[in-house]
Amino acid sequence: MRRVVFSILVDNVAGVLSRISGLFSRRGYNIDSLTVGVTADPRYSRITVVARGDEIILDQIEKQLNKLVDVIDIKCLDQERSICKELVLVKIKANEEKRQAVFAVANVFQAKVTDVSKEAVMVELTGSQGKINGFIELLIQDGYEILELARTGLTGLSRGTFDVKMYDEEGNLMDYDFRE
C-alpha cells in the first residue's frame, strides 16, 4: 500500500470541498488528511489530500478527481521534490514545577510555546508528520498529560518552478517562463 499526497487546484466556489470528499466516500476511499485554503489568486483554492492505496486505486482516485468540473489541476507531490508540513497545537498539563521540563522538550523539537497558564502550557509545532508524531510520543512516554490537541493535516507544494501553472483572467492556462 502506497501513500500519495494530492495537491489539487480548484475553483474557489461553494460546494467544491463537498464534491471532492463525496467522491472519496462514494467509492469507499479513505482520506488520511485533508486541508484546504485559498491561494494567492482568490479565484482558486488548493486542497491537499493524503490517501493510501495500491497503484490501481490511487490511479483511479486521480482520474476521478480530474473529471470534476471545479478541478483545475492535480499534482502528486513527490516526497523528494516537495515540501510538506503540518501544524499541531498541544495543550499540556504542567504546573509551575513541570513547566521548565515542558519548555525543554519543546526546545528540542524547535516548537514554540504559545500560551502559559497556571496549570497548562500550549505548544505550537510545525514540521513533518514524523516530527509531530515523535513530539507527541515523547510527551506521552515522559508521562505528560495532553489536555487537548489539534492538528491541521498535511499541506505542501512542489519545490522550484518546474510545474507551476499560471492562469489568466478568464482561467486559461498561460505560457509563463520563470527563468526571466
Foldseek 3Di string as FASTA:
>chain_A
DDKWKKKWKFFPDPPPVVVLVVVCVVVVWDWPFWAKDADPPNRIMIIITMGDDDPVVVVVSVVVLVPDPGTDDMDTADPVQKAKKKKKKWKWFDAPVCVVVVVVLCVVLVWAFDDDDRTITIIMHMDDPVSVVVSVVVCVVVPIDTPDMDMRGMDMDGPDDPPDWDADPVRHTDDDDPVD
